[in-house]
Amino acid sequence: MTTKKARLDFRLDPEVKARIERAAKLTHESTSGFVVHAAAAAADHVLARADVTMMPAEQFDRLYAALDLADEAPNLRNSARRERKYIRE
């Protein structure tokens, strides 16, 4: 088991503290354990939402279709047409 060294100190309303303590008892956790688990779950949820881009289905379909359309790449086309300086033997 790793030693926990990081700390968070914060103030809260007595009513909120009482609710947290009651919920911790109901889940058979310490108050600090309950708070850590709840905060970690909330953080995971927020971070997961930050990694996902939500958009309407029609917009997604247009985006997906646009990926299949090749852009004109004049520099690439010109490079491909240019005479080779080196010949592989």
Protein backbone atom coordinates (compact mmCIF):
# COMPACT_ATOMS: atom_id res chain seq x y z
CA MET A 1 0.00 0.00 0.00
CA THR A 2 1.34 3.43 -0.90
CA THR A 3 1.69 6.14 1.69
CA LYS A 4 -0.61 9.07 1.03
CA LYS A 5 1.18 12.38 1.40
CA ALA A 6 -0.91 14.91 -0.54
CA ARG A 7 -3.52 16.88 1.35
CA LEU A 8 -6.55 19.03 0.59
CA ASP A 9 -7.89 21.44 3.18
CA PHE A 10 -11.17 23.23 2.59
CA ARG A 11 -14.04 24.84 4.43
CA LEU A 12 -17.66 23.82 4.05
CA ASP A 13 -21.06 24.55 5.54
CA PRO A 14 -21.98 22.50 8.61
CA GLU A 15 -25.06 21.18 6.80
CA VAL A 16 -22.95 19.91 3.89
CA LYS A 17 -20.48 18.32 6.31
CA ALA A 18 -23.34 16.55 8.09
CA ARG A 19 -24.68 15.19 4.78
CA ILE A 20 -21.24 13.93 3.79
CA GLU A 21 -20.75 12.25 7.17
CA ARG A 22 -24.17 10.62 6.94
CA ALA A 23 -23.50 9.34 3.42
CA ALA A 24 -20.08 8.04 4.49
CA LYS A 25 -21.69 6.07 7.33
CA LEU A 26 -24.26 4.60 4.95
CA THR A 27 -21.48 3.40 2.63
CA HIS A 28 -19.33 2.14 5.52
CA GLU A 29 -16.48 4.49 4.64
CA SER A 30 -14.57 7.05 6.61
CA THR A 31 -15.58 10.63 5.92
CA SER A 32 -12.26 11.38 4.24
CA GLY A 33 -12.43 8.16 2.20
CA PHE A 34 -15.94 9.02 1.07
CA VAL A 35 -14.90 12.53 0.05
CA VAL A 36 -11.83 11.24 -1.81
CA HIS A 37 -13.87 8.63 -3.71
CA ALA A 38 -16.62 11.12 -4.57
CA ALA A 39 -14.15 13.79 -5.69
CA ALA A 40 -12.14 11.29 -7.75
CA ALA A 41 -15.30 10.02 -9.46
CA ALA A 42 -16.39 13.59 -10.25
CA ALA A 43 -12.92 14.40 -11.59
CA ASP A 44 -12.94 11.29 -13.79
CA HIS A 45 -16.33 12.28 -15.19
CA VAL A 46 -15.21 15.84 -16.00
CA LEU A 47 -11.96 14.65 -17.57
CA ALA A 48 -13.76 12.02 -19.66
CA ARG A 49 -16.16 14.65 -20.99
CA ALA A 50 -13.20 16.89 -21.87
CA ASP A 51 -11.75 14.12 -24.06
CA VAL A 52 -14.93 13.66 -26.10
CA THR A 53 -16.35 16.03 -28.70
CA MET A 54 -20.13 15.93 -28.83
CA MET A 55 -21.98 17.00 -31.97
CA PRO A 56 -25.28 16.33 -33.71
CA ALA A 57 -25.39 13.23 -35.93
CA GLU A 58 -25.81 15.30 -39.10
CA GLN A 59 -22.70 17.33 -38.30
CA PHE A 60 -20.74 14.15 -37.60
CA ASP A 61 -21.86 12.67 -40.93
CA ARG A 62 -20.69 15.80 -42.80
CA LEU A 63 -17.35 15.72 -40.96
CA TYR A 64 -16.87 12.02 -41.68
CA ALA A 65 -17.72 12.51 -45.37
CA ALA A 66 -15.28 15.43 -45.61
CA LEU A 67 -12.46 13.15 -44.49
CA ASP A 68 -12.94 11.08 -47.66
CA LEU A 69 -12.56 14.11 -49.95
CA ALA A 70 -8.97 14.58 -50.99
CA ASP A 71 -7.72 18.14 -51.09
CA GLU A 72 -5.81 19.28 -54.10
CA ALA A 73 -2.17 19.10 -53.16
CA PRO A 74 -0.40 21.09 -55.89
CA ASN A 75 3.03 20.86 -54.27
CA LEU A 76 2.75 17.09 -53.98
CA ARG A 77 1.47 16.79 -57.56
CA ASN A 78 4.32 18.97 -58.86
CA SER A 79 6.87 16.97 -56.89
CA ALA A 80 5.54 13.72 -58.34
CA ARG A 81 5.80 15.11 -61.89
CA ARG A 82 9.32 16.42 -61.41
CA GLU A 83 12.13 14.46 -63.01
CA ARG A 84 13.99 12.34 -60.49
CA LYS A 85 17.52 13.36 -59.60
CA TYR A 86 18.42 9.95 -58.27
CA ILE A 87 17.78 6.58 -59.80
CA ARG A 88 17.60 3.47 -57.67
CA GLU A 89 19.53 0.54 -59.10
